[in-house]
């Protein structure tokens, strides 16, 4: 699911910028398509970076919470043995 979300996150800005570039080129007779394509690629890569950074941060937090729970369980088990 993450891979499909990542694909959509990258492709949507690229397609939108290409469509806007085509419309602008037809309306004004300019050649802005290439620049908007690069802008779309940059936006897509930025979105992918933000998405992956968020996922990795969540994984780190989950791992830290799991380690904290293990330490607490060991401490509780040690306390019970001492009593």
C-alpha atoms as a PDB file:
ATOM      1  CA  UNK A   1       0.000   0.000   0.000  1.00  0.00           C
ATOM      2  CA  UNK A   2       2.887   2.335   0.757  1.00  0.00           C
ATOM      3  CA  UNK A   3       4.354   1.752  -2.710  1.00  0.00           C
ATOM      4  CA  UNK A   4       1.099   2.652  -4.455  1.00  0.00           C
ATOM      5  CA  UNK A   5       0.702   5.731  -2.251  1.00  0.00           C
ATOM      6  CA  UNK A   6       4.269   6.721  -3.057  1.00  0.00           C
ATOM      7  CA  UNK A   7       3.604   6.307  -6.790  1.00  0.00           C
ATOM      8  CA  UNK A   8       0.521   8.501  -6.658  1.00  0.00           C
ATOM      9  CA  UNK A   9       2.364  11.060  -4.549  1.00  0.00           C
ATOM     10  CA  UNK A  10       5.072  11.350  -7.210  1.00  0.00           C
ATOM     11  CA  UNK A  11       2.971  11.091 -10.372  1.00  0.00           C
ATOM     12  CA  UNK A  12       0.124  13.507  -9.574  1.00  0.00           C
ATOM     13  CA  UNK A  13       2.271  16.665  -9.438  1.00  0.00           C
ATOM     14  CA  UNK A  14       4.083  15.620 -12.614  1.00  0.00           C
ATOM     15  CA  UNK A  15       0.854  15.066 -14.543  1.00  0.00           C
ATOM     16  CA  UNK A  16      -0.710  18.264 -13.219  1.00  0.00           C
ATOM     17  CA  UNK A  17       2.306  20.340 -14.226  1.00  0.00           C
ATOM     18  CA  UNK A  18       2.375  18.732 -17.685  1.00  0.00           C
ATOM     19  CA  UNK A  19      -1.329  19.457 -18.194  1.00  0.00           C
ATOM     20  CA  UNK A  20      -0.905  23.063 -17.036  1.00  0.00           C
ATOM     21  CA  UNK A  21       2.133  23.394 -19.328  1.00  0.00           C
ATOM     22  CA  UNK A  22       0.184  22.124 -22.330  1.00  0.00           C
ATOM     23  CA  UNK A  23      -2.700  24.509 -21.618  1.00  0.00           C
ATOM     24  CA  UNK A  24      -0.351  27.477 -21.200  1.00  0.00           C
ATOM     25  CA  UNK A  25       1.562  26.560 -24.371  1.00  0.00           C
ATOM     26  CA  UNK A  26      -1.630  26.328 -26.424  1.00  0.00           C
ATOM     27  CA  UNK A  27      -3.105  29.523 -25.013  1.00  0.00           C
ATOM     28  CA  UNK A  28      -0.039  31.782 -25.137  1.00  0.00           C
ATOM     29  CA  UNK A  29       2.071  30.009 -27.764  1.00  0.00           C
ATOM     30  CA  UNK A  30       5.025  29.660 -25.398  1.00  0.00           C
ATOM     31  CA  UNK A  31       7.224  26.708 -24.497  1.00  0.00           C
ATOM     32  CA  UNK A  32       6.830  26.378 -20.735  1.00  0.00           C
ATOM     33  CA  UNK A  33       6.099  22.653 -20.749  1.00  0.00           C
ATOM     34  CA  UNK A  34       9.687  21.605 -20.047  1.00  0.00           C
ATOM     35  CA  UNK A  35      10.051  23.990 -17.099  1.00  0.00           C
ATOM     36  CA  UNK A  36       6.752  22.885 -15.609  1.00  0.00           C
ATOM     37  CA  UNK A  37       7.746  19.242 -16.126  1.00  0.00           C
ATOM     38  CA  UNK A  38      10.888  19.853 -14.066  1.00  0.00           C
ATOM     39  CA  UNK A  39       8.801  21.654 -11.466  1.00  0.00           C
ATOM     40  CA  UNK A  40       6.414  18.677 -11.304  1.00  0.00           C
ATOM     41  CA  UNK A  41       9.302  16.238 -10.911  1.00  0.00           C
ATOM     42  CA  UNK A  42      10.788  18.345  -8.117  1.00  0.00           C
ATOM     43  CA  UNK A  43       7.416  18.573  -6.359  1.00  0.00           C
ATOM     44  CA  UNK A  44       6.888  14.818  -6.695  1.00  0.00           C
ATOM     45  CA  UNK A  45      10.316  14.044  -5.238  1.00  0.00           C
ATOM     46  CA  UNK A  46       9.680  16.453  -2.374  1.00  0.00           C
ATOM     47  CA  UNK A  47       6.346  14.796  -1.627  1.00  0.00           C
ATOM     48  CA  UNK A  48       7.983  11.354  -1.714  1.00  0.00           C
ATOM     49  CA  UNK A  49      10.688  12.517   0.687  1.00  0.00           C
ATOM     50  CA  UNK A  50       8.124  13.900   3.140  1.00  0.00           C
ATOM     51  CA  UNK A  51       6.021  10.723   2.944  1.00  0.00           C
ATOM     52  CA  UNK A  52       8.968   8.383   3.486  1.00  0.00           C
ATOM     53  CA  UNK A  53      10.399  10.530   6.273  1.00  0.00           C
ATOM     54  CA  UNK A  54       7.066  10.375   8.095  1.00  0.00           C
ATOM     55  CA  UNK A  55       6.853   6.607   7.732  1.00  0.00           C
ATOM     56  CA  UNK A  56      10.415   6.119   8.945  1.00  0.00           C
ATOM     57  CA  UNK A  57       9.839   8.424  11.923  1.00  0.00           C
ATOM     58  CA  UNK A  58       6.749   6.414  12.887  1.00  0.00           C
ATOM     59  CA  UNK A  59       8.735   3.178  12.689  1.00  0.00           C
ATOM     60  CA  UNK A  60      11.455   4.592  14.930  1.00  0.00           C
ATOM     61  CA  UNK A  61       8.863   5.710  17.500  1.00  0.00           C
ATOM     62  CA  UNK A  62       7.189   2.288  17.456  1.00  0.00           C
ATOM     63  CA  UNK A  63      10.547   0.568  17.929  1.00  0.00           C
ATOM     64  CA  UNK A  64      11.432   2.858  20.838  1.00  0.00           C
ATOM     65  CA  UNK A  65       8.049   2.217  22.473  1.00  0.00           C
ATOM     66  CA  UNK A  66       8.498  -1.544  22.082  1.00  0.00           C
ATOM     67  CA  UNK A  67      11.950  -1.389  23.667  1.00  0.00           C
ATOM     68  CA  UNK A  68      10.618   0.753  26.515  1.00  0.00           C
ATOM     69  CA  UNK A  69       7.835  -1.761  27.188  1.00  0.00           C
ATOM     70  CA  UNK A  70      10.347  -4.627  27.227  1.00  0.00           C
ATOM     71  CA  UNK A  71      12.499  -2.787  29.775  1.00  0.00           C
ATOM     72  CA  UNK A  72       9.460  -2.073  31.954  1.00  0.00           C
ATOM     73  CA  UNK A  73       8.380  -5.725  31.835  1.00  0.00           C
ATOM     74  CA  UNK A  74      11.865  -6.883  32.795  1.00  0.00           C
ATOM     75  CA  UNK A  75      11.939  -4.418  35.697  1.00  0.00           C
ATOM     76  CA  UNK A  76       8.514  -5.573  36.872  1.00  0.00           C
ATOM     77  CA  UNK A  77       9.571  -9.214  36.603  1.00  0.00           C
ATOM     78  CA  UNK A  78      12.743  -8.504  38.588  1.00  0.00           C
ATOM     79  CA  UNK A  79      10.742  -6.685  41.284  1.00  0.00           C
ATOM     80  CA  UNK A  80       8.333  -9.626  41.575  1.00  0.00           C
ATOM     81  CA  UNK A  81      11.236 -12.046  41.950  1.00  0.00           C
ATOM     82  CA  UNK A  82      12.774  -9.905  44.682  1.00  0.00           C
ATOM     83  CA  UNK A  83       9.494  -9.819  46.621  1.00  0.00           C
END
